[in-house]
Amino acid sequence: MEPRRIRLGDVIDDYCPRCRLIMNHGVVSLVGDEVKKVRCNTCLSEHQFRHGQLPASRKKAAAKLFEEVLKGISRPKELPALEPKPPEPPPQSAHRRLYTIHRAIGGKASGKGPKKS
């Protein structure tokens, strides 16, 4: 027994580029017995019939381009020597910082917070 011919409006499975999944599609256009366009029944977008094939992975293409760029970059023969950082001064104690702040403002209150009586 021969399989039934596909007609307009039939539901077939195809890859939807908008949903990025293989979903149910309705046949929109035919040329002879070949399906040319389909409409996704989930998102209602129309696109060419892709025969259910997933697209090529984008990661592989990006990795290939990255490798080409790296091949074109010449590496320096010697890396410049980095100068060591000067040591950081030891942290001041809280008492020392408070004394310095009071001296800087002349022992007056900053105006923030509750007043002391």
PDB file of N, CA and C in Angstrom:
ATOM      1  N   MET A   1       0.833  -1.173   0.000  1.00  0.00           N
ATOM      2  CA  MET A   1       0.000   0.000   0.000  1.00  0.00           C
ATOM      3  C   MET A   1       0.886   1.248   0.000  1.00  0.00           C
ATOM      4  N   GLU A   2       0.586   2.195  -0.860  1.00  0.00           N
ATOM      5  CA  GLU A   2       1.376   3.422  -0.976  1.00  0.00           C
ATOM      6  C   GLU A   2       0.992   4.415   0.116  1.00  0.00           C
ATOM      7  N   PRO A   3       1.980   5.187   0.610  1.00  0.00           N
ATOM      8  CA  PRO A   3       1.632   6.207   1.603  1.00  0.00           C
ATOM      9  C   PRO A   3       0.803   7.320   0.955  1.00  0.00           C
ATOM     10  N   ARG A   4      -0.051   7.951   1.741  1.00  0.00           N
ATOM     11  CA  ARG A   4      -0.926   9.003   1.240  1.00  0.00           C
ATOM     12  C   ARG A   4      -0.105  10.227   0.844  1.00  0.00           C
ATOM     13  N   ARG A   5      -0.499  10.871  -0.256  1.00  0.00           N
ATOM     14  CA  ARG A   5       0.195  12.078  -0.715  1.00  0.00           C
ATOM     15  C   ARG A   5      -0.108  13.233   0.231  1.00  0.00           C
ATOM     16  N   ILE A   6       0.856  14.090   0.410  1.00  0.00           N
ATOM     17  CA  ILE A   6       0.688  15.246   1.284  1.00  0.00           C
ATOM     18  C   ILE A   6      -0.120  16.302   0.539  1.00  0.00           C
ATOM     19  N   ARG A   7      -1.103  16.900   1.248  1.00  0.00           N
ATOM     20  CA  ARG A   7      -1.942  17.936   0.665  1.00  0.00           C
ATOM     21  C   ARG A   7      -1.823  19.206   1.504  1.00  0.00           C
ATOM     22  N   LEU A   8      -2.345  20.334   0.959  1.00  0.00           N
ATOM     23  CA  LEU A   8      -2.350  21.596   1.704  1.00  0.00           C
ATOM     24  C   LEU A   8      -3.117  21.428   3.005  1.00  0.00           C
ATOM     25  N   GLY A   9      -2.570  21.976   4.092  1.00  0.00           N
ATOM     26  CA  GLY A   9      -3.226  21.905   5.385  1.00  0.00           C
ATOM     27  C   GLY A   9      -2.860  20.690   6.209  1.00  0.00           C
ATOM     28  N   ASP A  10      -2.186  19.713   5.607  1.00  0.00           N
ATOM     29  CA  ASP A  10      -1.766  18.540   6.381  1.00  0.00           C
ATOM     30  C   ASP A  10      -0.758  18.952   7.450  1.00  0.00           C
ATOM     31  N   VAL A  11      -0.725  18.212   8.515  1.00  0.00           N
ATOM     32  CA  VAL A  11       0.206  18.485   9.615  1.00  0.00           C
ATOM     33  C   VAL A  11       1.399  17.550   9.497  1.00  0.00           C
ATOM     34  N   ILE A  12       2.606  18.148   9.456  1.00  0.00           N
ATOM     35  CA  ILE A  12       3.843  17.380   9.374  1.00  0.00           C
ATOM     36  C   ILE A  12       4.819  17.937  10.406  1.00  0.00           C
ATOM     37  N   ASP A  13       5.829  17.161  10.750  1.00  0.00           N
ATOM     38  CA  ASP A  13       6.866  17.608  11.680  1.00  0.00           C
ATOM     39  C   ASP A  13       7.986  18.280  10.899  1.00  0.00           C
ATOM     40  N   ASP A  14       8.475  19.402  11.442  1.00  0.00           N
ATOM     41  CA  ASP A  14       9.588  20.122  10.827  1.00  0.00           C
ATOM     42  C   ASP A  14      10.275  20.948  11.901  1.00  0.00           C
ATOM     43  N   TYR A  15      11.488  21.376  11.612  1.00  0.00           N
ATOM     44  CA  TYR A  15      12.243  22.231  12.539  1.00  0.00           C
ATOM     45  C   TYR A  15      11.765  23.670  12.390  1.00  0.00           C
ATOM     46  N   CYS A  16      11.395  24.302  13.498  1.00  0.00           N
ATOM     47  CA  CYS A  16      10.963  25.697  13.482  1.00  0.00           C
ATOM     48  C   CYS A  16      12.128  26.574  13.934  1.00  0.00           C
ATOM     49  N   PRO A  17      12.605  27.508  13.091  1.00  0.00           N
ATOM     50  CA  PRO A  17      13.731  28.360  13.493  1.00  0.00           C
ATOM     51  C   PRO A  17      13.363  29.355  14.588  1.00  0.00           C
ATOM     52  N   ARG A  18      12.093  29.659  14.724  1.00  0.00           N
ATOM     53  CA  ARG A  18      11.682  30.601  15.769  1.00  0.00           C
ATOM     54  C   ARG A  18      11.575  29.900  17.123  1.00  0.00           C
ATOM     55  N   CYS A  19      10.966  28.724  17.144  1.00  0.00           N
ATOM     56  CA  CYS A  19      10.848  27.942  18.385  1.00  0.00           C
ATOM     57  C   CYS A  19      12.151  27.197  18.698  1.00  0.00           C
ATOM     58  N   ARG A  20      12.933  26.941  17.675  1.00  0.00           N
ATOM     59  CA  ARG A  20      14.180  26.172  17.757  1.00  0.00           C
ATOM     60  C   ARG A  20      13.937  24.740  18.236  1.00  0.00           C
ATOM     61  N   LEU A  21      12.819  24.179  17.786  1.00  0.00           N
ATOM     62  CA  LEU A  21      12.461  22.805  18.110  1.00  0.00           C
ATOM     63  C   LEU A  21      11.790  22.170  16.895  1.00  0.00           C
ATOM     64  N   ILE A  22      11.719  20.856  16.912  1.00  0.00           N
ATOM     65  CA  ILE A  22      10.947  20.161  15.883  1.00  0.00           C
ATOM     66  C   ILE A  22       9.514  20.116  16.390  1.00  0.00           C
ATOM     67  N   MET A  23       8.625  20.789  15.661  1.00  0.00           N
ATOM     68  CA  MET A  23       7.243  20.957  16.094  1.00  0.00           C
ATOM     69  C   MET A  23       6.289  20.554  14.970  1.00  0.00           C
ATOM     70  N   ASN A  24       4.986  20.541  15.253  1.00  0.00           N
ATOM     71  CA  ASN A  24       3.952  20.299  14.244  1.00  0.00           C
ATOM     72  C   ASN A  24       3.822  21.533  13.361  1.00  0.00           C
ATOM     73  N   HIS A  25       3.742  21.318  12.052  1.00  0.00           N
ATOM     74  CA  HIS A  25       3.592  22.389  11.073  1.00  0.00           C
ATOM     75  C   HIS A  25       2.472  22.039  10.114  1.00  0.00           C
ATOM     76  N   GLY A  26       1.797  23.050   9.636  1.00  0.00           N
ATOM     77  CA  GLY A  26       0.796  22.867   8.604  1.00  0.00           C
ATOM     78  C   GLY A  26       1.391  23.213   7.252  1.00  0.00           C
ATOM     79  N   VAL A  27       1.080  22.441   6.239  1.00  0.00           N
ATOM     80  CA  VAL A  27       1.608  22.675   4.888  1.00  0.00           C
ATOM     81  C   VAL A  27       0.908  23.895   4.302  1.00  0.00           C
ATOM     82  N   VAL A  28       1.700  24.865   3.803  1.00  0.00           N
ATOM     83  CA  VAL A  28       1.158  26.095   3.239  1.00  0.00           C
ATOM     84  C   VAL A  28       1.276  26.107   1.724  1.00  0.00           C
ATOM     85  N   SER A  29       2.397  25.614   1.186  1.00  0.00           N
ATOM     86  CA  SER A  29       2.543  25.615  -0.274  1.00  0.00           C
ATOM     87  C   SER A  29       3.227  24.337  -0.738  1.00  0.00           C
ATOM     88  N   LEU A  30       2.806  23.910  -1.911  1.00  0.00           N
ATOM     89  CA  LEU A  30       3.356  22.714  -2.563  1.00  0.00           C
ATOM     90  C   LEU A  30       3.744  23.060  -3.985  1.00  0.00           C
ATOM     91  N   VAL A  31       4.810  22.434  -4.474  1.00  0.00           N
ATOM     92  CA  VAL A  31       5.163  22.489  -5.886  1.00  0.00           C
ATOM     93  C   VAL A  31       5.238  21.033  -6.333  1.00  0.00           C
ATOM     94  N   GLY A  32       4.241  20.612  -7.074  1.00  0.00           N
ATOM     95  CA  GLY A  32       4.133  19.199  -7.436  1.00  0.00           C
ATOM     96  C   GLY A  32       3.786  18.428  -6.175  1.00  0.00           C
ATOM     97  N   ASP A  33       4.617  17.474  -5.847  1.00  0.00           N
ATOM     98  CA  ASP A  33       4.418  16.705  -4.611  1.00  0.00           C
ATOM     99  C   ASP A  33       5.371  17.161  -3.503  1.00  0.00           C
ATOM    100  N   GLU A  34       6.180  18.180  -3.764  1.00  0.00           N
ATOM    101  CA  GLU A  34       7.162  18.651  -2.779  1.00  0.00           C
ATOM    102  C   GLU A  34       6.597  19.776  -1.933  1.00  0.00           C
ATOM    103  N   VAL A  35       6.829  19.699  -0.647  1.00  0.00           N
ATOM    104  CA  VAL A  35       6.414  20.758   0.279  1.00  0.00           C
ATOM    105  C   VAL A  35       7.459  21.865   0.216  1.00  0.00           C
ATOM    106  N   LYS A  36       7.011  23.124   0.022  1.00  0.00           N
ATOM    107  CA  LYS A  36       7.934  24.257  -0.052  1.00  0.00           C
ATOM    108  C   LYS A  36       7.875  25.133   1.196  1.00  0.00           C
ATOM    109  N   LYS A  37       6.666  25.449   1.666  1.00  0.00           N
ATOM    110  CA  LYS A  37       6.520  26.298   2.849  1.00  0.00           C
ATOM    111  C   LYS A  37       5.593  25.646   3.852  1.00  0.00           C
ATOM    112  N   VAL A  38       5.903  25.900   5.137  1.00  0.00           N
ATOM    113  CA  VAL A  38       5.075  25.392   6.222  1.00  0.00           C
ATOM    114  C   VAL A  38       4.841  26.497   7.248  1.00  0.00           C
ATOM    115  N   ARG A  39       3.804  26.324   8.076  1.00  0.00           N
ATOM    116  CA  ARG A  39       3.500  27.275   9.151  1.00  0.00           C
ATOM    117  C   ARG A  39       3.507  26.499  10.459  1.00  0.00           C
ATOM    118  N   CYS A  40       4.269  27.011  11.429  1.00  0.00           N
ATOM    119  CA  CYS A  40       4.366  26.370  12.746  1.00  0.00           C
ATOM    120  C   CYS A  40       3.024  26.508  13.460  1.00  0.00           C
ATOM    121  N   ASN A  41       2.512  25.415  13.993  1.00  0.00           N
ATOM    122  CA  ASN A  41       1.244  25.447  14.713  1.00  0.00           C
ATOM    123  C   ASN A  41       1.399  26.014  16.122  1.00  0.00           C
ATOM    124  N   THR A  42       2.635  26.172  16.598  1.00  0.00           N
ATOM    125  CA  THR A  42       2.872  26.703  17.937  1.00  0.00           C
ATOM    126  C   THR A  42       3.021  28.213  17.921  1.00  0.00           C
ATOM    127  N   CYS A  43       3.948  28.716  17.078  1.00  0.00           N
ATOM    128  CA  CYS A  43       4.217  30.165  17.058  1.00  0.00           C
ATOM    129  C   CYS A  43       3.621  30.862  15.837  1.00  0.00           C
ATOM    130  N   LEU A  44       3.034  30.104  14.909  1.00  0.00           N
ATOM    131  CA  LEU A  44       2.374  30.622  13.706  1.00  0.00           C
ATOM    132  C   LEU A  44       3.316  31.359  12.750  1.00  0.00           C
ATOM    133  N   SER A  45       4.602  31.039  12.760  1.00  0.00           N
ATOM    134  CA  SER A  45       5.530  31.646  11.800  1.00  0.00           C
ATOM    135  C   SER A  45       5.626  30.756  10.565  1.00  0.00           C
ATOM    136  N   GLU A  46       5.755  31.403   9.395  1.00  0.00           N
ATOM    137  CA  GLU A  46       5.908  30.673   8.135  1.00  0.00           C
ATOM    138  C   GLU A  46       7.376  30.650   7.744  1.00  0.00           C
ATOM    139  N   HIS A  47       7.813  29.519   7.216  1.00  0.00           N
ATOM    140  CA  HIS A  47       9.196  29.403   6.739  1.00  0.00           C
ATOM    141  C   HIS A  47       9.276  28.266   5.732  1.00  0.00           C
ATOM    142  N   GLN A  48      10.419  28.178   5.082  1.00  0.00           N
ATOM    143  CA  GLN A  48      10.626  27.106   4.106  1.00  0.00           C
ATOM    144  C   GLN A  48      10.669  25.768   4.825  1.00  0.00           C
ATOM    145  N   PHE A  49      10.250  24.745   4.140  1.00  0.00           N
ATOM    146  CA  PHE A  49      10.286  23.397   4.700  1.00  0.00           C
ATOM    147  C   PHE A  49      11.734  22.955   4.810  1.00  0.00           C
ATOM    148  N   ARG A  50      12.140  22.532   5.985  1.00  0.00           N
ATOM    149  CA  ARG A  50      13.535  22.176   6.256  1.00  0.00           C
ATOM    150  C   ARG A  50      13.751  20.661   6.370  1.00  0.00           C
ATOM    151  N   HIS A  51      12.754  19.881   6.077  1.00  0.00           N
ATOM    152  CA  HIS A  51      12.829  18.420   6.105  1.00  0.00           C
ATOM    153  C   HIS A  51      13.210  17.894   7.486  1.00  0.00           C
ATOM    154  N   GLY A  52      12.902  18.649   8.550  1.00  0.00           N
ATOM    155  CA  GLY A  52      13.166  18.190   9.910  1.00  0.00           C
ATOM    156  C   GLY A  52      14.624  18.183  10.311  1.00  0.00           C
ATOM    157  N   GLN A  53      15.502  18.837   9.515  1.00  0.00           N
ATOM    158  CA  GLN A  53      16.925  18.832   9.831  1.00  0.00           C
ATOM    159  C   GLN A  53      17.276  20.005  10.744  1.00  0.00           C
ATOM    160  N   LEU A  54      18.029  19.716  11.787  1.00  0.00           N
ATOM    161  CA  LEU A  54      18.487  20.758  12.696  1.00  0.00           C
ATOM    162  C   LEU A  54      19.595  21.563  12.026  1.00  0.00           C
ATOM    163  N   PRO A  55      19.718  22.865  12.320  1.00  0.00           N
ATOM    164  CA  PRO A  55      20.785  23.665  11.726  1.00  0.00           C
ATOM    165  C   PRO A  55      22.141  23.295  12.325  1.00  0.00           C
ATOM    166  N   ALA A  56      23.201  23.710  11.639  1.00  0.00           N
ATOM    167  CA  ALA A  56      24.552  23.449  12.134  1.00  0.00           C
ATOM    168  C   ALA A  56      24.765  24.199  13.445  1.00  0.00           C
ATOM    169  N   SER A  57      25.563  23.633  14.316  1.00  0.00           N
ATOM    170  CA  SER A  57      25.814  24.233  15.626  1.00  0.00           C
ATOM    171  C   SER A  57      26.576  25.539  15.479  1.00  0.00           C
ATOM    172  N   ARG A  58      26.138  26.568  16.180  1.00  0.00           N
ATOM    173  CA  ARG A  58      26.802  27.875  16.129  1.00  0.00           C
ATOM    174  C   ARG A  58      28.112  27.847  16.892  1.00  0.00           C
ATOM    175  N   LYS A  59      28.204  27.017  17.924  1.00  0.00           N
ATOM    176  CA  LYS A  59      29.413  26.954  18.745  1.00  0.00           C
ATOM    177  C   LYS A  59      30.594  26.471  17.918  1.00  0.00           C
ATOM    178  N   LYS A  60      30.361  25.482  17.061  1.00  0.00           N
ATOM    179  CA  LYS A  60      31.449  24.956  16.243  1.00  0.00           C
ATOM    180  C   LYS A  60      31.947  26.023  15.270  1.00  0.00           C
ATOM    181  N   ALA A  61      31.029  26.774  14.684  1.00  0.00           N
ATOM    182  CA  ALA A  61      31.414  27.818  13.739  1.00  0.00           C
ATOM    183  C   ALA A  61      32.182  28.925  14.449  1.00  0.00           C
ATOM    184  N   ALA A  62      31.733  29.307  15.644  1.00  0.00           N
ATOM    185  CA  ALA A  62      32.421  30.359  16.403  1.00  0.00           C
ATOM    186  C   ALA A  62      33.807  29.897  16.823  1.00  0.00           C
ATOM    187  N   ALA A  63      33.933  28.643  17.232  1.00  0.00           N
ATOM    188  CA  ALA A  63      35.239  28.118  17.640  1.00  0.00           C
ATOM    189  C   ALA A  63      36.191  28.081  16.451  1.00  0.00           C
ATOM    190  N   LYS A  64      35.681  27.737  15.284  1.00  0.00           N
ATOM    191  CA  LYS A  64      36.516  27.688  14.082  1.00  0.00           C
ATOM    192  C   LYS A  64      37.026  29.084  13.727  1.00  0.00           C
ATOM    193  N   LEU A  65      36.159  30.096  13.799  1.00  0.00           N
ATOM    194  CA  LEU A  65      36.576  31.468  13.523  1.00  0.00           C
ATOM    195  C   LEU A  65      37.588  31.957  14.545  1.00  0.00           C
ATOM    196  N   PHE A  66      37.399  31.595  15.802  1.00  0.00           N
ATOM    197  CA  PHE A  66      38.326  32.002  16.856  1.00  0.00           C
ATOM    198  C   PHE A  66      39.710  31.419  16.605  1.00  0.00           C
ATOM    199  N   GLU A  67      39.761  30.155  16.185  1.00  0.00           N
ATOM    200  CA  GLU A  67      41.048  29.521  15.879  1.00  0.00           C
ATOM    201  C   GLU A  67      41.748  30.211  14.712  1.00  0.00           C
ATOM    202  N   GLU A  68      40.997  30.635  13.699  1.00  0.00           N
ATOM    203  CA  GLU A  68      41.593  31.344  12.566  1.00  0.00           C
ATOM    204  C   GLU A  68      42.210  32.665  13.003  1.00  0.00           C
ATOM    205  N   VAL A  69      41.537  33.370  13.894  1.00  0.00           N
ATOM    206  CA  VAL A  69      42.060  34.641  14.390  1.00  0.00           C
ATOM    207  C   VAL A  69      43.337  34.407  15.178  1.00  0.00           C
ATOM    208  N   LEU A  70      43.355  33.369  15.997  1.00  0.00           N
ATOM    209  CA  LEU A  70      44.552  33.086  16.794  1.00  0.00           C
ATOM    210  C   LEU A  70      45.742  32.711  15.930  1.00  0.00           C
ATOM    211  N   LYS A  71      45.503  32.048  14.804  1.00  0.00           N
ATOM    212  CA  LYS A  71      46.602  31.690  13.911  1.00  0.00           C
ATOM    213  C   LYS A  71      47.255  32.928  13.315  1.00  0.00           C
ATOM    214  N   GLY A  72      46.446  33.977  13.073  1.00  0.00           N
ATOM    215  CA  GLY A  72      46.969  35.187  12.449  1.00  0.00           C
ATOM    216  C   GLY A  72      47.722  36.104  13.404  1.00  0.00           C
ATOM    217  N   ILE A  73      47.587  35.892  14.697  1.00  0.00           N
ATOM    218  CA  ILE A  73      48.268  36.753  15.670  1.00  0.00           C
ATOM    219  C   ILE A  73      49.648  36.195  15.944  1.00  0.00           C
ATOM    220  N   SER A  74      50.663  37.055  15.791  1.00  0.00           N
ATOM    221  CA  SER A  74      52.021  36.610  16.102  1.00  0.00           C
ATOM    222  C   SER A  74      52.253  36.782  17.596  1.00  0.00           C
ATOM    223  N   ARG A  75      52.886  35.803  18.189  1.00  0.00           N
ATOM    224  CA  ARG A  75      53.144  35.848  19.626  1.00  0.00           C
ATOM    225  C   ARG A  75      54.457  36.582  19.889  1.00  0.00           C
ATOM    226  N   PRO A  76      54.509  37.404  20.942  1.00  0.00           N
ATOM    227  CA  PRO A  76      55.771  38.061  21.282  1.00  0.00           C
ATOM    228  C   PRO A  76      56.770  37.028  21.797  1.00  0.00           C
ATOM    229  N   LYS A  77      58.043  37.253  21.475  1.00  0.00           N
ATOM    230  CA  LYS A  77      59.066  36.288  21.877  1.00  0.00           C
ATOM    231  C   LYS A  77      59.322  36.336  23.373  1.00  0.00           C
ATOM    232  N   GLU A  78      59.366  37.548  23.938  1.00  0.00           N
ATOM    233  CA  GLU A  78      59.602  37.676  25.369  1.00  0.00           C
ATOM    234  C   GLU A  78      58.515  38.548  25.975  1.00  0.00           C
ATOM    235  N   LEU A  79      58.044  38.141  27.105  1.00  0.00           N
ATOM    236  CA  LEU A  79      57.088  38.955  27.822  1.00  0.00           C
ATOM    237  C   LEU A  79      57.848  39.966  28.670  1.00  0.00           C
ATOM    238  N   PRO A  80      57.410  41.224  28.707  1.00  0.00           N
ATOM    239  CA  PRO A  80      58.115  42.207  29.529  1.00  0.00           C
ATOM    240  C   PRO A  80      58.010  41.831  31.001  1.00  0.00           C
ATOM    241  N   ALA A  81      59.107  42.089  31.724  1.00  0.00           N
ATOM    242  CA  ALA A  81      59.133  41.771  33.157  1.00  0.00           C
ATOM    243  C   ALA A  81      58.224  42.749  33.899  1.00  0.00           C
ATOM    244  N   LEU A  82      57.423  42.229  34.759  1.00  0.00           N
ATOM    245  CA  LEU A  82      56.525  43.064  35.542  1.00  0.00           C
ATOM    246  C   LEU A  82      57.238  43.549  36.794  1.00  0.00           C
ATOM    247  N   GLU A  83      57.081  44.843  37.091  1.00  0.00           N
ATOM    248  CA  GLU A  83      57.704  45.391  38.282  1.00  0.00           C
ATOM    249  C   GLU A  83      56.864  45.002  39.493  1.00  0.00           C
ATOM    250  N   PRO A  84      57.528  44.640  40.594  1.00  0.00           N
ATOM    251  CA  PRO A  84      56.756  44.260  41.779  1.00  0.00           C
ATOM    252  C   PRO A  84      56.061  45.475  42.388  1.00  0.00           C
ATOM    253  N   LYS A  85      54.908  45.259  42.976  1.00  0.00           N
ATOM    254  CA  LYS A  85      54.168  46.331  43.628  1.00  0.00           C
ATOM    255  C   LYS A  85      54.853  46.704  44.940  1.00  0.00           C
ATOM    256  N   PRO A  86      54.799  47.996  45.304  1.00  0.00           N
ATOM    257  CA  PRO A  86      55.332  48.350  46.620  1.00  0.00           C
ATOM    258  C   PRO A  86      54.407  47.788  47.693  1.00  0.00           C
ATOM    259  N   PRO A  87      54.959  47.416  48.841  1.00  0.00           N
ATOM    260  CA  PRO A  87      54.101  46.834  49.887  1.00  0.00           C
ATOM    261  C   PRO A  87      53.105  47.869  50.404  1.00  0.00           C
ATOM    262  N   GLU A  88      51.908  47.406  50.730  1.00  0.00           N
ATOM    263  CA  GLU A  88      50.868  48.295  51.240  1.00  0.00           C
ATOM    264  C   GLU A  88      51.166  48.628  52.703  1.00  0.00           C
ATOM    265  N   PRO A  89      50.833  49.872  53.108  1.00  0.00           N
ATOM    266  CA  PRO A  89      51.065  50.213  54.523  1.00  0.00           C
ATOM    267  C   PRO A  89      50.116  49.416  55.411  1.00  0.00           C
ATOM    268  N   PRO A  90      50.539  49.150  56.651  1.00  0.00           N
ATOM    269  CA  PRO A  90      49.662  48.381  57.533  1.00  0.00           C
ATOM    270  C   PRO A  90      48.408  49.181  57.857  1.00  0.00           C
ATOM    271  N   PRO A  91      47.278  48.508  58.034  1.00  0.00           N
ATOM    272  CA  PRO A  91      46.031  49.233  58.322  1.00  0.00           C
ATOM    273  C   PRO A  91      46.105  49.916  59.682  1.00  0.00           C
ATOM    274  N   GLN A  92      45.471  51.097  59.746  1.00  0.00           N
ATOM    275  CA  GLN A  92      45.465  51.845  61.001  1.00  0.00           C
ATOM    276  C   GLN A  92      44.411  51.265  61.929  1.00  0.00           C
ATOM    277  N   SER A  93      44.623  51.448  63.205  1.00  0.00           N
ATOM    278  CA  SER A  93      43.626  50.984  64.167  1.00  0.00           C
ATOM    279  C   SER A  93      42.435  51.942  64.132  1.00  0.00           C
ATOM    280  N   ALA A  94      41.285  51.490  64.607  1.00  0.00           N
ATOM    281  CA  ALA A  94      40.078  52.308  64.592  1.00  0.00           C
ATOM    282  C   ALA A  94      40.253  53.543  65.472  1.00  0.00           C
ATOM    283  N   HIS A  95      40.957  53.401  66.583  1.00  0.00           N
ATOM    284  CA  HIS A  95      41.182  54.529  67.488  1.00  0.00           C
ATOM    285  C   HIS A  95      42.008  55.609  66.793  1.00  0.00           C
ATOM    286  N   ARG A  96      43.021  55.219  66.059  1.00  0.00           N
ATOM    287  CA  ARG A  96      43.905  56.167  65.378  1.00  0.00           C
ATOM    288  C   ARG A  96      43.121  56.923  64.302  1.00  0.00           C
ATOM    289  N   ARG A  97      42.268  56.220  63.529  1.00  0.00           N
ATOM    290  CA  ARG A  97      41.486  56.877  62.486  1.00  0.00           C
ATOM    291  C   ARG A  97      40.504  57.869  63.088  1.00  0.00           C
ATOM    292  N   LEU A  98      39.848  57.526  64.186  1.00  0.00           N
ATOM    293  CA  LEU A  98      38.891  58.404  64.830  1.00  0.00           C
ATOM    294  C   LEU A  98      39.579  59.661  65.344  1.00  0.00           C
ATOM    295  N   TYR A  99      40.762  59.501  65.945  1.00  0.00           N
ATOM    296  CA  TYR A  99      41.525  60.641  66.441  1.00  0.00           C
ATOM    297  C   TYR A  99      41.870  61.582  65.293  1.00  0.00           C
ATOM    298  N   THR A 100      42.262  61.048  64.144  1.00  0.00           N
ATOM    299  CA  THR A 100      42.632  61.857  62.985  1.00  0.00           C
ATOM    300  C   THR A 100      41.422  62.613  62.450  1.00  0.00           C
ATOM    301  N   ILE A 101      40.253  61.995  62.446  1.00  0.00           N
ATOM    302  CA  ILE A 101      39.044  62.650  61.953  1.00  0.00           C
ATOM    303  C   ILE A 101      38.666  63.798  62.876  1.00  0.00           C
ATOM    304  N   HIS A 102      38.701  63.567  64.192  1.00  0.00           N
ATOM    305  CA  HIS A 102      38.360  64.625  65.146  1.00  0.00           C
ATOM    306  C   HIS A 102      39.326  65.798  65.018  1.00  0.00           C
ATOM    307  N   ARG A 103      40.606  65.525  64.797  1.00  0.00           N
ATOM    308  CA  ARG A 103      41.593  66.589  64.643  1.00  0.00           C
ATOM    309  C   ARG A 103      41.336  67.378  63.376  1.00  0.00           C
ATOM    310  N   ALA A 104      40.903  66.679  62.300  1.00  0.00           N
ATOM    311  CA  ALA A 104      40.681  67.340  61.015  1.00  0.00           C
ATOM    312  C   ALA A 104      39.477  68.272  61.066  1.00  0.00           C
ATOM    313  N   ILE A 105      38.440  67.931  61.813  1.00  0.00           N
ATOM    314  CA  ILE A 105      37.253  68.784  61.871  1.00  0.00           C
ATOM    315  C   ILE A 105      37.267  69.696  63.094  1.00  0.00           C
ATOM    316  N   GLY A 106      38.342  69.722  63.815  1.00  0.00           N
ATOM    317  CA  GLY A 106      38.480  70.623  64.954  1.00  0.00           C
ATOM    318  C   GLY A 106      37.706  70.179  66.171  1.00  0.00           C
ATOM    319  N   GLY A 107      37.447  68.887  66.301  1.00  0.00           N
ATOM    320  CA  GLY A 107      36.765  68.383  67.471  1.00  0.00           C
ATOM    321  C   GLY A 107      35.277  68.661  67.451  1.00  0.00           C
ATOM    322  N   LYS A 108      34.763  69.222  66.377  1.00  0.00           N
ATOM    323  CA  LYS A 108      33.339  69.541  66.291  1.00  0.00           C
ATOM    324  C   LYS A 108      32.575  68.345  65.754  1.00  0.00           C
ATOM    325  N   ALA A 109      31.298  68.304  66.067  1.00  0.00           N
ATOM    326  CA  ALA A 109      30.446  67.248  65.544  1.00  0.00           C
ATOM    327  C   ALA A 109      30.203  67.510  64.053  1.00  0.00           C
ATOM    328  N   SER A 110      30.042  66.468  63.304  1.00  0.00           N
ATOM    329  CA  SER A 110      29.848  66.613  61.864  1.00  0.00           C
ATOM    330  C   SER A 110      28.449  67.055  61.513  1.00  0.00           C
ATOM    331  N   GLY A 111      27.508  67.027  62.456  1.00  0.00           N
ATOM    332  CA  GLY A 111      26.135  67.398  62.178  1.00  0.00           C
ATOM    333  C   GLY A 111      25.275  66.211  61.826  1.00  0.00           C
ATOM    334  N   LYS A 112      25.869  65.064  61.659  1.00  0.00           N
ATOM    335  CA  LYS A 112      25.129  63.860  61.342  1.00  0.00           C
ATOM    336  C   LYS A 112      24.947  63.046  62.609  1.00  0.00           C
ATOM    337  N   GLY A 113      23.792  62.467  62.783  1.00  0.00           N
ATOM    338  CA  GLY A 113      23.532  61.631  63.937  1.00  0.00           C
ATOM    339  C   GLY A 113      22.967  62.447  65.083  1.00  0.00           C
ATOM    340  N   PRO A 114      22.659  61.763  66.174  1.00  0.00           N
ATOM    341  CA  PRO A 114      22.056  62.456  67.320  1.00  0.00           C
ATOM    342  C   PRO A 114      23.082  63.345  68.033  1.00  0.00           C
ATOM    343  N   LYS A 115      22.582  64.442  68.600  1.00  0.00           N
ATOM    344  CA  LYS A 115      23.465  65.354  69.344  1.00  0.00           C
ATOM    345  C   LYS A 115      23.697  64.805  70.736  1.00  0.00           C
ATOM    346  N   LYS A 116      24.922  64.977  71.190  1.00  0.00           N
ATOM    347  CA  LYS A 116      25.262  64.522  72.531  1.00  0.00           C
ATOM    348  C   LYS A 116      25.130  65.699  73.477  1.00  0.00           C
ATOM    349  N   SER A 117      24.545  65.493  74.685  1.00  0.00           N
ATOM    350  CA  SER A 117      24.422  66.585  75.636  1.00  0.00           C
ATOM    351  C   SER A 117      25.277  66.370  76.831  1.00  0.00           C
TER     352      SER A 117
END
